C-alpha atoms as a PDB file:
ATOM      1  CA  MET A   1      24.072  18.754 143.258  1.00  0.00           C
ATOM      2  CA  SER A   2      25.336  18.203 139.727  1.00  0.00           C
ATOM      3  CA  HIS A   3      25.705  21.109 137.309  1.00  0.00           C
ATOM      4  CA  LEU A   4      24.785  20.602 133.664  1.00  0.00           C
ATOM      5  CA  TYR A   5      27.006  22.262 131.057  1.00  0.00           C
ATOM      6  CA  ILE A   6      26.478  22.960 127.382  1.00  0.00           C
ATOM      7  CA  SER A   7      29.727  23.310 125.465  1.00  0.00           C
ATOM      8  CA  GLN A   8      30.458  23.685 121.789  1.00  0.00           C
ATOM      9  CA  VAL A   9      33.557  22.863 119.769  1.00  0.00           C
ATOM     10  CA  GLN A  10      34.016  24.097 116.218  1.00  0.00           C
ATOM     11  CA  THR A  11      34.825  21.315 113.765  1.00  0.00           C
ATOM     12  CA  PRO A  12      36.636  21.514 110.416  1.00  0.00           C
ATOM     13  CA  ILE A  13      33.505  20.142 108.720  1.00  0.00           C
ATOM     14  CA  VAL A  14      31.682  22.324 106.221  1.00  0.00           C
ATOM     15  CA  VAL A  15      28.483  20.821 104.794  1.00  0.00           C
ATOM     16  CA  GLY A  16      26.994  21.213 101.318  1.00  0.00           C
ATOM     17  CA  SER A  17      24.901  24.175 102.439  1.00  0.00           C
ATOM     18  CA  GLY A  18      28.176  25.965 103.263  1.00  0.00           C
ATOM     19  CA  ALA A  19      27.571  25.940 107.015  1.00  0.00           C
ATOM     20  CA  THR A  20      30.386  25.284 109.467  1.00  0.00           C
ATOM     21  CA  VAL A  21      29.550  22.360 111.730  1.00  0.00           C
ATOM     22  CA  TRP A  22      29.772  22.556 115.514  1.00  0.00           C
ATOM     23  CA  LEU A  23      30.044  19.711 118.005  1.00  0.00           C
ATOM     24  CA  ASP A  24      27.572  20.251 120.851  1.00  0.00           C
ATOM     25  CA  LEU A  25      28.280  18.557 124.184  1.00  0.00           C
ATOM     26  CA  LEU A  26      25.963  18.264 127.157  1.00  0.00           C
ATOM     27  CA  TRP A  27      27.837  17.124 130.237  1.00  0.00           C
ATOM     28  CA  ASN A  28      28.121  17.094 133.991  1.00  0.00           C
ATOM     29  CA  GLU A  29      30.565  15.780 136.572  1.00  0.00           C
ATOM     30  CA  ARG A  30      29.567  12.164 135.794  1.00  0.00           C
ATOM     31  CA  GLY A  31      30.336  12.461 132.107  1.00  0.00           C
ATOM     32  CA  ILE A  32      29.021  13.413 128.699  1.00  0.00           C
ATOM     33  CA  SER A  33      25.341  12.681 128.130  1.00  0.00           C
ATOM     34  CA  SER A  34      25.037  14.097 124.625  1.00  0.00           C
ATOM     35  CA  ILE A  35      27.350  14.745 121.681  1.00  0.00           C
ATOM     36  CA  ASN A  36      25.677  16.004 118.526  1.00  0.00           C
ATOM     37  CA  PHE A  37      26.497  18.017 115.465  1.00  0.00           C
ATOM     38  CA  SER A  38      24.790  21.297 114.626  1.00  0.00           C
ATOM     39  CA  SER A  39      25.213  23.962 111.984  1.00  0.00           C
ATOM     40  CA  GLN A  40      24.598  26.907 114.310  1.00  0.00           C
ATOM     41  CA  LYS A  41      26.584  28.516 117.079  1.00  0.00           C
ATOM     42  CA  ASN A  42      24.686  28.003 120.331  1.00  0.00           C
ATOM     43  CA  PRO A  43      24.504  31.241 122.351  1.00  0.00           C
ATOM     44  CA  GLN A  44      23.848  29.204 125.514  1.00  0.00           C
ATOM     45  CA  ALA A  45      27.073  27.230 125.150  1.00  0.00           C
ATOM     46  CA  VAL A  46      29.784  27.995 127.651  1.00  0.00           C
ATOM     47  CA  ASN A  47      33.457  27.757 126.885  1.00  0.00           C
ATOM     48  CA  ILE A  48      33.972  25.336 129.732  1.00  0.00           C
ATOM     49  CA  LEU A  49      35.253  21.981 128.583  1.00  0.00           C
ATOM     50  CA  PRO A  50      37.857  19.916 130.384  1.00  0.00           C
ATOM     51  CA  LYS A  51      41.198  20.525 128.640  1.00  0.00           C
ATOM     52  CA  LYS A  52      41.766  16.780 128.211  1.00  0.00           C
ATOM     53  CA  TRP A  53      38.513  16.477 126.230  1.00  0.00           C
ATOM     54  CA  HIS A  54      39.192  19.611 124.188  1.00  0.00           C
ATOM     55  CA  ASP A  55      42.688  18.370 123.311  1.00  0.00           C
ATOM     56  CA  LEU A  56      41.292  14.964 122.385  1.00  0.00           C
ATOM     57  CA  PHE A  57      38.822  16.465 119.926  1.00  0.00           C
ATOM     58  CA  GLU A  58      41.590  18.641 118.467  1.00  0.00           C
ATOM     59  CA  ARG A  59      43.765  15.553 117.910  1.00  0.00           C
ATOM     60  CA  TYR A  60      40.825  13.760 116.328  1.00  0.00           C
ATOM     61  CA  TRP A  61      40.139  16.634 113.904  1.00  0.00           C
ATOM     62  CA  ASN A  62      43.832  17.036 113.130  1.00  0.00           C
ATOM     63  CA  ARG A  63      44.421  13.269 112.859  1.00  0.00           C
ATOM     64  CA  SER A  64      47.539  13.250 114.989  1.00  0.00           C
ATOM     65  CA  SER A  65      48.008  10.214 117.217  1.00  0.00           C
ATOM     66  CA  GLU A  66      45.082   8.563 115.422  1.00  0.00           C
ATOM     67  CA  ASP A  67      44.943   5.372 117.452  1.00  0.00           C
ATOM     68  CA  VAL A  68      45.274   7.221 120.737  1.00  0.00           C
ATOM     69  CA  ALA A  69      42.539   9.664 119.783  1.00  0.00           C
ATOM     70  CA  HIS A  70      40.264   6.845 118.679  1.00  0.00           C
ATOM     71  CA  ASN A  71      40.813   4.849 121.845  1.00  0.00           C
ATOM     72  CA  GLU A  72      40.240   7.900 124.004  1.00  0.00           C
ATOM     73  CA  LEU A  73      37.120   8.897 122.055  1.00  0.00           C
ATOM     74  CA  ILE A  74      35.445   5.599 122.809  1.00  0.00           C
ATOM     75  CA  ASN A  75      36.635   5.847 126.408  1.00  0.00           C
ATOM     76  CA  LEU A  76      35.371   9.361 127.065  1.00  0.00           C
ATOM     77  CA  PRO A  77      33.431   9.407 130.326  1.00  0.00           C
ATOM     78  CA  ILE A  78      29.883   9.095 129.071  1.00  0.00           C
ATOM     79  CA  ASP A  79      26.697   9.180 131.075  1.00  0.00           C
ATOM     80  CA  LEU A  80      24.794   6.984 128.626  1.00  0.00           C
ATOM     81  CA  VAL A  81      21.152   6.067 129.043  1.00  0.00           C
ATOM     82  CA  GLY A  82      19.350   3.636 126.747  1.00  0.00           C
ATOM     83  CA  THR A  83      17.403   0.406 126.583  1.00  0.00           C
ATOM     84  CA  ILE A  84      19.157  -2.920 127.035  1.00  0.00           C
ATOM     85  CA  TYR A  85      18.972  -3.496 123.278  1.00  0.00           C
ATOM     86  CA  GLN A  86      20.364  -0.032 122.502  1.00  0.00           C
ATOM     87  CA  GLN A  87      23.223  -0.654 124.929  1.00  0.00           C
ATOM     88  CA  ARG A  88      24.034  -3.931 123.137  1.00  0.00           C
ATOM     89  CA  VAL A  89      24.115  -2.172 119.761  1.00  0.00           C
ATOM     90  CA  TRP A  90      26.201   0.709 121.134  1.00  0.00           C
ATOM     91  CA  ASP A  91      28.668  -1.801 122.618  1.00  0.00           C
ATOM     92  CA  GLU A  92      29.086  -3.318 119.134  1.00  0.00           C
ATOM     93  CA  LEU A  93      29.622   0.122 117.593  1.00  0.00           C
ATOM     94  CA  GLN A  94      32.493   0.794 119.960  1.00  0.00           C
ATOM     95  CA  LYS A  95      34.262  -2.298 118.589  1.00  0.00           C
ATOM     96  CA  ILE A  96      34.423  -0.921 115.027  1.00  0.00           C
ATOM     97  CA  PRO A  97      38.039   0.133 114.359  1.00  0.00           C
ATOM     98  CA  LEU A  98      38.974   3.585 113.159  1.00  0.00           C
ATOM     99  CA  GLY A  99      38.905   3.704 109.361  1.00  0.00           C
ATOM    100  CA  LYS A 100      36.518   0.757 109.012  1.00  0.00           C
ATOM    101  CA  THR A 101      32.811   0.527 108.381  1.00  0.00           C
ATOM    102  CA  VAL A 102      30.389  -2.338 108.939  1.00  0.00           C
ATOM    103  CA  SER A 103      26.849  -2.872 107.741  1.00  0.00           C
ATOM    104  CA  TYR A 104      23.670  -2.709 109.773  1.00  0.00           C
ATOM    105  CA  GLY A 105      23.141  -6.310 108.614  1.00  0.00           C
ATOM    106  CA  LEU A 106      26.429  -7.545 110.054  1.00  0.00           C
ATOM    107  CA  ILE A 107      25.673  -6.066 113.461  1.00  0.00           C
ATOM    108  CA  SER A 108      22.139  -7.440 113.337  1.00  0.00           C
ATOM    109  CA  GLU A 109      23.502 -10.942 112.641  1.00  0.00           C
ATOM    110  CA  LYS A 110      25.773 -10.708 115.690  1.00  0.00           C
ATOM    111  CA  LEU A 111      22.853  -9.603 117.862  1.00  0.00           C
ATOM    112  CA  LYS A 112      20.306 -11.941 116.260  1.00  0.00           C
ATOM    113  CA  SER A 113      18.210  -8.928 115.366  1.00  0.00           C
ATOM    114  CA  SER A 114      17.220  -7.011 112.241  1.00  0.00           C
ATOM    115  CA  PRO A 115      19.108  -4.308 110.324  1.00  0.00           C
ATOM    116  CA  ARG A 116      16.208  -1.895 110.896  1.00  0.00           C
ATOM    117  CA  ALA A 117      16.384  -2.425 114.684  1.00  0.00           C
ATOM    118  CA  VAL A 118      20.139  -1.723 114.586  1.00  0.00           C
ATOM    119  CA  ALA A 119      19.501   1.440 112.549  1.00  0.00           C
ATOM    120  CA  THR A 120      16.897   2.561 115.092  1.00  0.00           C
ATOM    121  CA  ALA A 121      19.386   2.063 117.935  1.00  0.00           C
ATOM    122  CA  CYS A 122      22.006   3.999 115.962  1.00  0.00           C
ATOM    123  CA  LYS A 123      19.508   6.835 115.472  1.00  0.00           C
ATOM    124  CA  ALA A 124      18.939   6.912 119.257  1.00  0.00           C
ATOM    125  CA  ASN A 125      22.697   7.146 119.991  1.00  0.00           C
ATOM    126  CA  PRO A 126      23.091  10.319 122.068  1.00  0.00           C
ATOM    127  CA  VAL A 127      26.902  10.463 121.910  1.00  0.00           C
ATOM    128  CA  VAL A 128      28.090  10.428 118.297  1.00  0.00           C
ATOM    129  CA  LEU A 129      31.860  10.000 117.900  1.00  0.00           C
ATOM    130  CA  ALA A 130      32.192   8.405 121.375  1.00  0.00           C
ATOM    131  CA  VAL A 131      29.847   5.680 120.131  1.00  0.00           C
ATOM    132  CA  PRO A 132      30.768   5.780 116.426  1.00  0.00           C
ATOM    133  CA  CYS A 133      27.433   5.189 114.701  1.00  0.00           C
ATOM    134  CA  HIS A 134      28.802   6.945 111.597  1.00  0.00           C
ATOM    135  CA  ARG A 135      30.836   3.767 110.921  1.00  0.00           C
ATOM    136  CA  VAL A 136      27.672   1.762 110.236  1.00  0.00           C
ATOM    137  CA  VAL A 137      26.495   1.765 106.631  1.00  0.00           C
ATOM    138  CA  SER A 138      23.783   0.100 104.613  1.00  0.00           C
ATOM    139  CA  LYS A 139      24.664  -2.629 102.137  1.00  0.00           C
ATOM    140  CA  SER A 140      23.580  -0.331  99.289  1.00  0.00           C
ATOM    141  CA  GLY A 141      25.159   2.951 100.399  1.00  0.00           C
ATOM    142  CA  VAL A 142      26.080   5.168 103.293  1.00  0.00           C
ATOM    143  CA  GLY A 143      22.797   4.713 105.197  1.00  0.00           C
ATOM    144  CA  GLY A 144      21.347   7.277 107.568  1.00  0.00           C
ATOM    145  CA  PHE A 145      22.901   9.459 110.240  1.00  0.00           C
ATOM    146  CA  MET A 146      21.366  11.318 113.165  1.00  0.00           C
ATOM    147  CA  GLY A 147      17.872  10.447 111.949  1.00  0.00           C
ATOM    148  CA  ALA A 148      18.359  11.682 108.385  1.00  0.00           C
ATOM    149  CA  VAL A 149      18.933   9.924 105.063  1.00  0.00           C
ATOM    150  CA  GLU A 150      19.933  13.055 103.126  1.00  0.00           C
ATOM    151  CA  GLY A 151      21.118  16.587 103.715  1.00  0.00           C
ATOM    152  CA  ASP A 152      23.721  18.030 106.073  1.00  0.00           C
ATOM    153  CA  GLU A 153      23.712  14.980 108.365  1.00  0.00           C
ATOM    154  CA  ILE A 154      24.731  12.689 105.504  1.00  0.00           C
ATOM    155  CA  ASP A 155      27.417  15.196 104.450  1.00  0.00           C
ATOM    156  CA  ILE A 156      28.766  14.970 108.018  1.00  0.00           C
ATOM    157  CA  LYS A 157      28.707  11.152 107.990  1.00  0.00           C
ATOM    158  CA  LYS A 158      30.551  11.015 104.662  1.00  0.00           C
ATOM    159  CA  TRP A 159      33.114  13.532 105.934  1.00  0.00           C
ATOM    160  CA  LEU A 160      33.728  11.482 109.114  1.00  0.00           C
ATOM    161  CA  ILE A 161      34.140   8.220 107.192  1.00  0.00           C
ATOM    162  CA  LYS A 162      36.579   9.834 104.733  1.00  0.00           C
ATOM    163  CA  HIS A 163      38.448  11.611 107.559  1.00  0.00           C
ATOM    164  CA  GLU A 164      39.007   8.358 109.440  1.00  0.00           C
ATOM    165  CA  GLN A 165      40.405   6.427 106.459  1.00  0.00           C
END
């Protein structure tokens, strides 16, 4: 029987509302099934996180060994569930190098799809950072993030893009 864990890691991100941002992870022995950002400490979160993962996130936030951290982030053991189309989009996202952004349109051209369909798949991404949907932008601006087009989520996306450059 597999146990399901909820862990939380504090990030250095502070959004416009002044809230500190937390990284919420849902995981089991097979891997991580959800990585999301939140602005509240989760009282149900346990301080159990494999040291290797914790250290990886620390290196990412501190930007030491950037390439190693990036490569490990996209190779975290993830227990990812999605449609065939979503999986194709998420595979493309994992090819975007650290410090670079690409447009929804460019990915849609590669997949012979539409920018809106790519954005919908990005919105459905359950493991932000491991599948770096924050590196996908619109041709006229930053685009959406985690289902939002303004607010704290966009502050987080802008912070991540700037942090990775």
